[in-house]
Amino acid sequence: MSSTSSTFFSRVRPVPEPFHLRLMREFPADPDPRKRSYLFGAYRDEGGRPFVLPEVVEVEKEFVREDEEGNEREGAGEISRR
């Protein structure tokens, strides 16, 4: 390594750990049996079948209600045309 690059990196200060990475690191240590991780996108039940979180179902219902009421969200029209 050249002295120029070592001088450059010696001046770089570390940044704080991103919140989502801290959550991923600390999540296993939380003893609360009600905890749920929302950091990953695919869930399966005990039988290996896809499982949609109840919270996701509620948000989807809210989106449908908003669309039925004519409240267009940015990008919603593009998504619904697919």
N, C-alpha and C. Protein backbone atom coordinates (compact mmCIF):
# COMPACT_ATOMS: atom_id res chain seq x y z
N MET A 1 0.86 -1.17 0.00
CA MET A 1 0.00 0.00 0.00
C MET A 1 0.90 1.22 0.00
N SER A 2 0.55 2.17 -0.84
CA SER A 2 1.39 3.36 -0.92
C SER A 2 1.11 4.29 0.26
N SER A 3 2.04 5.17 0.51
CA SER A 3 1.87 6.10 1.63
C SER A 3 0.72 7.07 1.37
N THR A 4 0.43 7.37 0.08
CA THR A 4 -0.68 8.26 -0.24
C THR A 4 -2.01 7.66 0.17
N SER A 5 -2.23 6.37 -0.16
CA SER A 5 -3.51 5.75 0.18
C SER A 5 -3.63 5.53 1.68
N SER A 6 -2.55 5.19 2.36
CA SER A 6 -2.65 5.00 3.81
C SER A 6 -2.92 6.33 4.51
N THR A 7 -2.38 7.42 3.97
CA THR A 7 -2.66 8.75 4.53
C THR A 7 -4.12 9.11 4.32
N PHE A 8 -4.64 8.83 3.14
CA PHE A 8 -6.04 9.14 2.84
C PHE A 8 -6.97 8.39 3.79
N PHE A 9 -6.78 7.09 3.93
CA PHE A 9 -7.68 6.29 4.76
C PHE A 9 -7.50 6.56 6.25
N SER A 10 -6.35 7.02 6.64
CA SER A 10 -6.16 7.34 8.06
C SER A 10 -6.99 8.56 8.47
N ARG A 11 -7.39 9.37 7.49
CA ARG A 11 -8.21 10.55 7.78
C ARG A 11 -9.71 10.27 7.71
N VAL A 12 -10.08 9.10 7.24
CA VAL A 12 -11.50 8.75 7.10
C VAL A 12 -12.04 8.33 8.46
N ARG A 13 -13.09 9.00 8.89
CA ARG A 13 -13.69 8.67 10.18
C ARG A 13 -14.81 7.65 9.99
N PRO A 14 -14.96 6.73 10.92
CA PRO A 14 -16.06 5.76 10.79
C PRO A 14 -17.41 6.45 10.95
N VAL A 15 -18.40 5.92 10.24
CA VAL A 15 -19.76 6.46 10.35
C VAL A 15 -20.53 5.61 11.35
N PRO A 16 -21.60 6.14 11.93
CA PRO A 16 -22.41 5.35 12.85
C PRO A 16 -23.02 4.15 12.12
N GLU A 17 -23.22 3.09 12.85
CA GLU A 17 -23.82 1.89 12.28
C GLU A 17 -25.25 2.20 11.82
N PRO A 18 -25.61 1.81 10.60
CA PRO A 18 -26.99 2.05 10.14
C PRO A 18 -27.99 1.35 11.06
N PHE A 19 -29.13 2.00 11.26
CA PHE A 19 -30.14 1.51 12.19
C PHE A 19 -30.59 0.09 11.83
N HIS A 20 -30.84 -0.18 10.55
CA HIS A 20 -31.34 -1.50 10.17
C HIS A 20 -30.30 -2.59 10.44
N LEU A 21 -29.02 -2.26 10.30
CA LEU A 21 -27.99 -3.26 10.60
C LEU A 21 -27.91 -3.53 12.10
N ARG A 22 -28.10 -2.48 12.89
CA ARG A 22 -28.11 -2.66 14.35
C ARG A 22 -29.29 -3.54 14.75
N LEU A 23 -30.45 -3.31 14.14
CA LEU A 23 -31.61 -4.15 14.44
C LEU A 23 -31.35 -5.61 14.11
N MET A 24 -30.75 -5.84 12.95
CA MET A 24 -30.45 -7.23 12.55
C MET A 24 -29.48 -7.88 13.53
N ARG A 25 -28.53 -7.13 14.03
CA ARG A 25 -27.55 -7.66 14.97
C ARG A 25 -28.17 -7.92 16.34
N GLU A 26 -29.04 -7.02 16.80
CA GLU A 26 -29.61 -7.13 18.14
C GLU A 26 -30.86 -8.01 18.21
N PHE A 27 -31.52 -8.24 17.10
CA PHE A 27 -32.79 -8.97 17.09
C PHE A 27 -32.71 -10.34 17.77
N PRO A 28 -31.72 -11.17 17.48
CA PRO A 28 -31.68 -12.50 18.10
C PRO A 28 -31.62 -12.46 19.63
N ALA A 29 -31.08 -11.40 20.20
CA ALA A 29 -30.93 -11.33 21.66
C ALA A 29 -32.22 -10.91 22.37
N ASP A 30 -33.20 -10.41 21.63
CA ASP A 30 -34.46 -9.97 22.24
C ASP A 30 -35.28 -11.19 22.65
N PRO A 31 -35.60 -11.35 23.96
CA PRO A 31 -36.30 -12.54 24.42
C PRO A 31 -37.82 -12.50 24.22
N ASP A 32 -38.37 -11.39 23.78
CA ASP A 32 -39.83 -11.26 23.65
C ASP A 32 -40.35 -12.25 22.61
N PRO A 33 -41.26 -13.17 23.00
CA PRO A 33 -41.77 -14.17 22.05
C PRO A 33 -42.70 -13.56 20.99
N ARG A 34 -43.14 -12.33 21.20
CA ARG A 34 -44.02 -11.69 20.23
C ARG A 34 -43.27 -10.98 19.11
N LYS A 35 -41.96 -10.95 19.18
CA LYS A 35 -41.19 -10.18 18.21
C LYS A 35 -41.35 -10.77 16.80
N ARG A 36 -41.30 -9.88 15.82
CA ARG A 36 -41.35 -10.27 14.41
C ARG A 36 -40.32 -9.44 13.68
N SER A 37 -39.63 -10.09 12.79
CA SER A 37 -38.66 -9.36 11.98
C SER A 37 -39.32 -8.95 10.68
N TYR A 38 -39.24 -7.67 10.36
CA TYR A 38 -39.77 -7.14 9.11
C TYR A 38 -38.62 -6.78 8.17
N LEU A 39 -37.44 -7.26 8.46
CA LEU A 39 -36.28 -6.89 7.66
C LEU A 39 -36.10 -7.76 6.43
N PHE A 40 -36.81 -8.85 6.33
CA PHE A 40 -36.69 -9.74 5.19
C PHE A 40 -38.04 -9.86 4.53
N GLY A 41 -38.08 -10.14 3.23
CA GLY A 41 -39.32 -10.05 2.49
C GLY A 41 -40.14 -11.31 2.34
N ALA A 42 -39.63 -12.48 2.63
CA ALA A 42 -40.38 -13.70 2.40
C ALA A 42 -40.51 -14.49 3.69
N TYR A 43 -41.71 -14.89 3.99
CA TYR A 43 -41.98 -15.65 5.21
C TYR A 43 -42.67 -16.95 4.86
N ARG A 44 -42.43 -17.98 5.64
CA ARG A 44 -43.06 -19.29 5.43
C ARG A 44 -43.63 -19.77 6.76
N ASP A 45 -44.73 -20.53 6.66
CA ASP A 45 -45.29 -21.11 7.88
C ASP A 45 -44.56 -22.42 8.17
N GLU A 46 -45.03 -23.13 9.19
CA GLU A 46 -44.37 -24.37 9.60
C GLU A 46 -44.37 -25.42 8.48
N GLY A 47 -45.36 -25.33 7.59
CA GLY A 47 -45.45 -26.28 6.47
C GLY A 47 -44.69 -25.84 5.24
N GLY A 48 -44.00 -24.71 5.32
CA GLY A 48 -43.23 -24.22 4.19
C GLY A 48 -44.05 -23.42 3.19
N ARG A 49 -45.31 -23.17 3.49
CA ARG A 49 -46.17 -22.39 2.60
C ARG A 49 -45.94 -20.89 2.84
N PRO A 50 -46.09 -20.08 1.77
CA PRO A 50 -45.93 -18.63 1.96
C PRO A 50 -46.90 -18.10 3.00
N PHE A 51 -46.42 -17.20 3.83
CA PHE A 51 -47.23 -16.60 4.89
C PHE A 51 -47.17 -15.09 4.74
N VAL A 52 -48.35 -14.49 4.62
CA VAL A 52 -48.42 -13.03 4.52
C VAL A 52 -48.75 -12.49 5.90
N LEU A 53 -47.92 -11.60 6.39
CA LEU A 53 -48.13 -11.04 7.72
C LEU A 53 -49.46 -10.29 7.77
N PRO A 54 -50.19 -10.42 8.88
CA PRO A 54 -51.48 -9.73 9.00
C PRO A 54 -51.36 -8.22 8.79
N GLU A 55 -50.26 -7.64 9.20
CA GLU A 55 -50.06 -6.20 9.01
C GLU A 55 -49.98 -5.85 7.53
N VAL A 56 -49.38 -6.71 6.74
CA VAL A 56 -49.28 -6.48 5.30
C VAL A 56 -50.67 -6.56 4.67
N VAL A 57 -51.47 -7.52 5.10
CA VAL A 57 -52.84 -7.65 4.58
C VAL A 57 -53.64 -6.38 4.88
N GLU A 58 -53.50 -5.85 6.08
CA GLU A 58 -54.22 -4.62 6.45
C GLU A 58 -53.80 -3.43 5.59
N VAL A 59 -52.51 -3.29 5.34
CA VAL A 59 -52.02 -2.18 4.51
C VAL A 59 -52.54 -2.34 3.08
N GLU A 60 -52.53 -3.57 2.57
CA GLU A 60 -53.06 -3.79 1.22
C GLU A 60 -54.54 -3.40 1.15
N LYS A 61 -55.31 -3.76 2.17
CA LYS A 61 -56.73 -3.39 2.20
C LYS A 61 -56.90 -1.87 2.20
N GLU A 62 -56.04 -1.18 2.94
CA GLU A 62 -56.09 0.28 2.99
C GLU A 62 -55.79 0.88 1.62
N PHE A 63 -54.80 0.32 0.91
CA PHE A 63 -54.49 0.80 -0.43
C PHE A 63 -55.68 0.62 -1.36
N VAL A 64 -56.34 -0.52 -1.28
CA VAL A 64 -57.51 -0.78 -2.13
C VAL A 64 -58.61 0.22 -1.80
N ARG A 65 -58.85 0.46 -0.51
CA ARG A 65 -59.87 1.44 -0.10
C ARG A 65 -59.54 2.82 -0.67
N GLU A 66 -58.29 3.22 -0.57
CA GLU A 66 -57.88 4.52 -1.10
C GLU A 66 -58.12 4.60 -2.60
N ASP A 67 -57.79 3.53 -3.33
CA ASP A 67 -58.00 3.51 -4.77
C ASP A 67 -59.48 3.59 -5.10
N GLU A 68 -60.31 2.88 -4.35
CA GLU A 68 -61.75 2.89 -4.60
C GLU A 68 -62.34 4.27 -4.32
N GLU A 69 -61.72 5.01 -3.41
CA GLU A 69 -62.19 6.35 -3.09
C GLU A 69 -61.65 7.39 -4.07
N GLY A 70 -60.80 6.95 -4.99
CA GLY A 70 -60.26 7.87 -5.99
C GLY A 70 -59.04 8.63 -5.56
N ASN A 71 -58.42 8.22 -4.47
CA ASN A 71 -57.20 8.88 -4.01
C ASN A 71 -56.00 8.22 -4.68
N GLU A 72 -55.59 8.78 -5.79
CA GLU A 72 -54.48 8.21 -6.55
C GLU A 72 -53.16 8.46 -5.84
N ARG A 73 -52.41 7.40 -5.58
CA ARG A 73 -51.07 7.53 -5.02
C ARG A 73 -50.08 7.63 -6.16
N GLU A 74 -49.00 8.31 -5.95
CA GLU A 74 -47.98 8.45 -6.98
C GLU A 74 -47.47 7.06 -7.37
N GLY A 75 -47.53 6.75 -8.65
CA GLY A 75 -47.06 5.45 -9.14
C GLY A 75 -48.08 4.35 -9.08
N ALA A 76 -49.20 4.55 -8.39
CA ALA A 76 -50.18 3.48 -8.24
C ALA A 76 -50.79 3.09 -9.58
N GLY A 77 -51.04 4.06 -10.43
CA GLY A 77 -51.61 3.76 -11.74
C GLY A 77 -50.70 2.89 -12.57
N GLU A 78 -49.42 3.16 -12.52
CA GLU A 78 -48.44 2.36 -13.26
C GLU A 78 -48.43 0.92 -12.76
N ILE A 79 -48.48 0.73 -11.46
CA ILE A 79 -48.46 -0.60 -10.87
C ILE A 79 -49.71 -1.38 -11.26
N SER A 80 -50.88 -0.73 -11.21
CA SER A 80 -52.13 -1.43 -11.49
C SER A 80 -52.29 -1.79 -12.96
N ARG A 81 -51.53 -1.16 -13.85
CA ARG A 81 -51.62 -1.49 -15.28
C ARG A 81 -50.80 -2.70 -15.65
N ARG A 82 -49.98 -3.21 -14.77
CA ARG A 82 -49.10 -4.35 -15.09
C ARG A 82 -49.88 -5.63 -15.12
